[in-house]
Protein backbone atom coordinates (compact mmCIF):
# COMPACT_ATOMS: atom_id res chain seq x y z
CA MET A 1 0.18 0.13 -0.07
CA ASN A 2 1.46 3.11 -1.03
CA GLU A 3 1.61 6.50 0.95
CA GLN A 4 -1.05 8.43 -0.91
CA LYS A 5 -3.60 5.55 -0.37
CA ARG A 6 -2.66 5.49 3.55
CA PHE A 7 -3.27 9.35 3.52
CA GLU A 8 -6.59 8.95 1.67
CA ILE A 9 -7.63 6.23 4.16
CA PHE A 10 -7.08 8.08 7.39
CA LYS A 11 -8.59 11.34 5.69
CA ARG A 12 -11.82 9.56 5.01
CA LEU A 13 -11.78 7.83 8.30
CA SER A 14 -11.53 11.34 10.17
CA VAL A 15 -14.58 12.39 8.18
CA ALA A 16 -16.48 9.52 9.07
CA ILE A 17 -15.55 9.52 12.80
CA PRO A 18 -15.08 13.05 13.60
CA ASN A 19 -14.61 12.86 17.29
CA PRO A 20 -12.55 9.49 17.75
CA SER A 21 -12.07 8.61 21.51
CA THR A 22 -12.24 5.83 23.72
CA GLU A 23 -15.53 4.32 24.70
CA LEU A 24 -14.44 3.35 28.25
CA LYS A 25 -16.20 5.83 30.47
CA HIS A 26 -13.76 7.84 32.66
CA SER A 27 -13.55 11.10 34.21
CA SER A 28 -9.66 11.10 35.09
CA THR A 29 -6.55 9.44 34.09
CA PHE A 30 -6.73 7.35 37.03
CA GLU A 31 -10.21 6.15 36.23
CA LEU A 32 -8.94 5.49 32.51
CA LEU A 33 -6.10 3.37 33.89
CA ILE A 34 -8.22 1.15 36.01
CA ALA A 35 -10.89 0.93 33.06
CA VAL A 36 -8.00 -0.16 30.61
CA ILE A 37 -6.64 -2.94 33.19
CA LEU A 38 -10.36 -4.05 33.62
CA SER A 39 -10.96 -4.29 29.79
CA ALA A 40 -8.51 -6.97 29.01
CA GLN A 41 -10.37 -9.78 27.24
CA ALA A 42 -13.59 -7.77 28.23
CA THR A 43 -15.71 -5.39 26.19
CA ASP A 44 -15.73 -1.95 26.98
CA LYS A 45 -19.63 -1.90 27.59
CA GLY A 46 -19.30 -4.74 30.18
CA VAL A 47 -16.36 -2.68 31.70
CA ASN A 48 -18.45 0.50 31.74
CA LEU A 49 -21.31 -1.34 33.49
CA ALA A 50 -19.15 -2.37 36.30
CA THR A 51 -17.07 0.90 36.71
CA ASP A 52 -20.31 2.97 36.60
CA LYS A 53 -21.00 1.75 40.06
CA LEU A 54 -17.24 1.14 41.06
CA PHE A 55 -16.34 4.79 40.48
CA ALA A 56 -19.39 6.29 42.00
CA VAL A 57 -18.05 4.85 45.54
CA ALA A 58 -14.27 4.72 44.65
CA ASN A 59 -12.32 6.52 42.15
CA THR A 60 -8.95 7.29 43.63
CA PRO A 61 -6.05 4.95 44.32
CA GLU A 62 -6.94 5.28 48.33
CA SER A 63 -10.54 4.54 48.11
CA ILE A 64 -10.16 1.61 45.74
CA LEU A 65 -7.45 0.17 47.94
CA ALA A 66 -9.62 0.61 51.00
CA LEU A 67 -12.22 -1.65 49.40
CA GLY A 68 -9.96 -4.69 49.66
CA VAL A 69 -10.24 -7.69 47.49
CA ASP A 70 -13.86 -8.74 48.38
CA GLY A 71 -15.03 -5.15 48.10
CA LEU A 72 -13.57 -4.65 44.76
CA GLU A 73 -14.46 -8.07 43.35
CA HIS A 74 -18.10 -7.13 44.48
CA TYR A 75 -18.06 -4.40 41.61
CA ILE A 76 -16.12 -6.18 39.01
CA LYS A 77 -17.31 -9.81 39.21
CA THR A 78 -19.15 -9.61 36.02
CA ILE A 79 -15.90 -8.92 34.16
CA GLY A 80 -13.93 -11.80 32.91
CA LEU A 81 -10.77 -12.89 34.92
CA TYR A 82 -11.95 -10.59 37.75
CA HIS A 83 -10.14 -12.33 40.52
CA ALA A 84 -6.76 -11.58 38.96
CA LYS A 85 -7.80 -8.35 37.77
CA ALA A 86 -8.89 -7.11 41.28
CA LYS A 87 -5.42 -7.98 42.76
CA ASN A 88 -3.58 -6.15 39.98
CA VAL A 89 -5.86 -3.14 40.42
CA LEU A 90 -5.16 -3.14 44.10
CA ALA A 91 -1.45 -3.55 43.85
CA THR A 92 -1.29 -0.92 41.06
CA CYS A 93 -3.15 1.41 43.46
CA GLN A 94 -0.54 0.71 46.26
CA MET A 95 2.20 1.27 43.96
CA LEU A 96 0.71 4.69 42.64
CA ILE A 97 0.36 5.74 46.49
CA THR A 98 3.81 4.66 47.63
CA GLN A 99 5.89 5.64 44.47
CA HIS A 100 3.76 8.15 42.31
CA ASP A 101 2.02 10.36 44.85
CA SER A 102 -1.19 8.78 44.05
CA GLN A 103 -0.75 10.04 40.36
CA VAL A 104 -0.56 8.03 36.95
CA PRO A 105 3.04 8.25 35.61
CA ASN A 106 3.35 9.46 31.98
CA THR A 107 6.33 7.30 30.90
CA ARG A 108 6.15 3.97 29.54
CA LYS A 109 8.63 2.46 31.84
CA ALA A 110 6.68 3.62 34.83
CA LEU A 111 3.23 2.48 33.36
CA GLU A 112 4.59 -0.93 32.55
CA ALA A 113 5.94 -1.34 36.05
CA LEU A 114 2.35 -1.07 37.37
CA PRO A 115 0.86 -4.72 37.96
CA GLY A 116 -1.76 -5.39 35.11
CA VAL A 117 -0.23 -3.06 32.94
CA GLY A 118 1.55 -4.03 29.54
CA ARG A 119 2.54 -2.48 26.53
CA LYS A 120 -0.81 -2.33 25.09
CA THR A 121 -2.24 -0.70 28.23
CA ALA A 122 0.60 1.65 28.54
CA ASN A 123 0.10 2.76 24.91
CA VAL A 124 -3.59 3.46 25.82
CA ILE A 125 -2.77 5.50 28.68
CA LEU A 126 0.03 7.46 26.80
CA ASN A 127 -2.05 8.10 23.85
CA THR A 128 -5.48 8.89 25.22
CA ALA A 129 -4.47 10.68 28.63
CA PHE A 130 -1.13 12.21 27.82
CA GLY A 131 -1.29 12.97 23.91
CA GLU A 132 1.43 10.77 22.68
CA PRO A 133 1.22 9.65 19.14
CA THR A 134 1.36 5.82 20.18
CA ILE A 135 -0.43 2.92 18.67
CA ALA A 136 -2.05 0.24 21.09
CA VAL A 137 -2.55 -2.92 19.02
CA ASP A 138 -5.73 -4.76 20.12
CA THR A 139 -7.50 -7.61 18.31
CA HIS A 140 -9.22 -4.66 15.92
CA LEU A 141 -6.03 -3.06 15.07
CA PHE A 142 -4.28 -6.33 14.33
CA ARG A 143 -7.20 -7.61 12.10
CA LEU A 144 -7.26 -4.38 10.29
CA GLY A 145 -3.88 -4.01 9.71
CA ASN A 146 -3.58 -7.51 8.23
CA ARG A 147 -7.12 -7.27 6.44
CA ILE A 148 -6.71 -3.96 4.97
CA LYS A 149 -2.97 -4.22 4.42
CA LEU A 150 -1.98 -1.21 6.42
CA ALA A 151 0.21 -2.98 8.94
CA THR A 152 0.69 -6.77 8.06
CA GLY A 153 2.63 -8.92 10.48
CA LYS A 154 2.40 -12.06 12.63
CA THR A 155 2.80 -10.66 15.99
CA VAL A 156 1.19 -7.62 17.72
CA LEU A 157 4.56 -5.77 18.09
CA GLU A 158 5.49 -6.11 14.36
CA VAL A 159 2.02 -4.73 13.32
CA GLU A 160 2.60 -1.90 15.92
CA MET A 161 6.02 -1.03 14.54
CA LYS A 162 4.51 -1.03 11.11
CA TYR A 163 1.69 1.14 11.93
CA LEU A 164 4.09 3.63 13.71
CA LYS A 165 6.41 3.76 10.65
CA THR A 166 3.72 3.77 7.97
CA ILE A 167 0.74 6.19 9.44
CA PRO A 168 0.75 9.70 8.16
CA LYS A 169 1.70 12.02 10.85
CA GLU A 170 -1.14 14.23 10.49
CA PHE A 171 -3.22 11.42 11.83
CA MET A 172 -1.15 9.64 14.05
CA GLN A 173 -2.75 11.06 17.37
CA ASP A 174 -6.18 9.80 16.44
CA ALA A 175 -5.21 6.84 14.31
CA HIS A 176 -5.60 4.40 17.30
CA HIS A 177 -9.11 5.21 18.04
CA LEU A 178 -10.19 5.74 14.36
CA LEU A 179 -9.05 2.18 13.73
CA ILE A 180 -10.70 0.72 16.92
CA LEU A 181 -13.99 2.35 16.05
CA HIS A 182 -13.71 1.40 12.33
CA GLY A 183 -13.15 -2.19 13.45
CA ARG A 184 -15.65 -2.32 16.08
CA TYR A 185 -18.60 -1.04 13.96
CA VAL A 186 -17.74 -1.36 10.26
CA CYS A 187 -14.80 -3.79 9.53
CA THR A 188 -15.97 -6.42 11.72
CA ALA A 189 -14.36 -9.66 12.49
CA ARG A 190 -16.86 -12.19 10.92
CA LYS A 191 -18.56 -10.25 8.37
CA PRO A 192 -17.16 -6.97 7.54
CA LYS A 193 -19.77 -4.35 6.38
CA CYS A 194 -17.84 -3.48 3.09
CA GLY A 195 -21.14 -1.86 1.50
CA GLU A 196 -20.99 0.63 4.43
CA CYS A 197 -17.37 1.22 4.41
CA CYS A 198 -16.04 4.68 3.57
CA ILE A 199 -12.68 3.21 2.30
CA GLN A 200 -13.80 0.06 0.48
CA ASP A 201 -12.28 1.35 -2.79
CA LEU A 202 -8.84 1.81 -0.93
CA CYS A 203 -8.90 -1.40 0.98
CA GLU A 204 -6.84 -3.96 -0.04
CA TYR A 205 -8.90 -6.91 1.53
CA GLY A 206 -8.99 -9.50 -1.20
CA ALA A 207 -11.19 -12.57 -0.66
CA LYS A 208 -13.77 -10.87 1.31
CA GLU A 209 -15.37 -13.38 3.64
CA TYR A 210 -12.74 -16.04 2.99
CA ALA A 211 -9.59 -14.52 3.69
CA SER A 212 -7.28 -16.06 6.54
CA TYR A 213 -5.14 -13.99 8.79
CA PRO A 214 -2.07 -14.95 10.99
CA THR A 215 -2.83 -15.81 14.50
CA PRO A 216 -1.18 -12.99 16.48
CA SER A 217 0.78 -13.55 19.65
CA PRO A 218 -0.96 -13.28 22.92
CA ILE A 219 -1.85 -9.59 23.54
CA GLN A 220 -0.60 -8.06 26.79
CA PRO A 221 -3.11 -6.21 28.80
């Protein structure tokens, strides 16, 4: 795929999705961090249902830590892997209090040192909360990269590096959310809605419903 086509793809996506942003509900960087940790292998909708209730009673490192394991699990038990996630969230809250003055750090190294935070989660926080031009490759971005031919690769990291290398600078800040939302609602996994797609004439998706894609390496939260 050439540079001109890439530019037109993101230009059209920007028109189709004028206000690209995360669908995880949050009112602070800390709430976003907790929501993203909880979103691993879960839907944004499911996370929002849980955090609506959780954040109403506890939305700071201190208040969530005060809930304890049982108290926190009461609010997030509808989310997959909630036992492990509760432990990670509490450990992260403790680390934020003791090492970061209860503030979410703004460096990759510090973020990835937090329990339950891997490269993908760090990228989401760096991009969404701190405005850095990063790309968090989830299942949607991995699928689109290989399907559209924007960034092909067999591993999540390989696809991420290709996105970073080839996405036009003008769209880098919003690219993450543009692609997620396009993949979530138009270029869906089982049957992409090509007839509704604003980039269908630019897309290099060949054998529409029959193409196979490489299986990605496990995506870290």
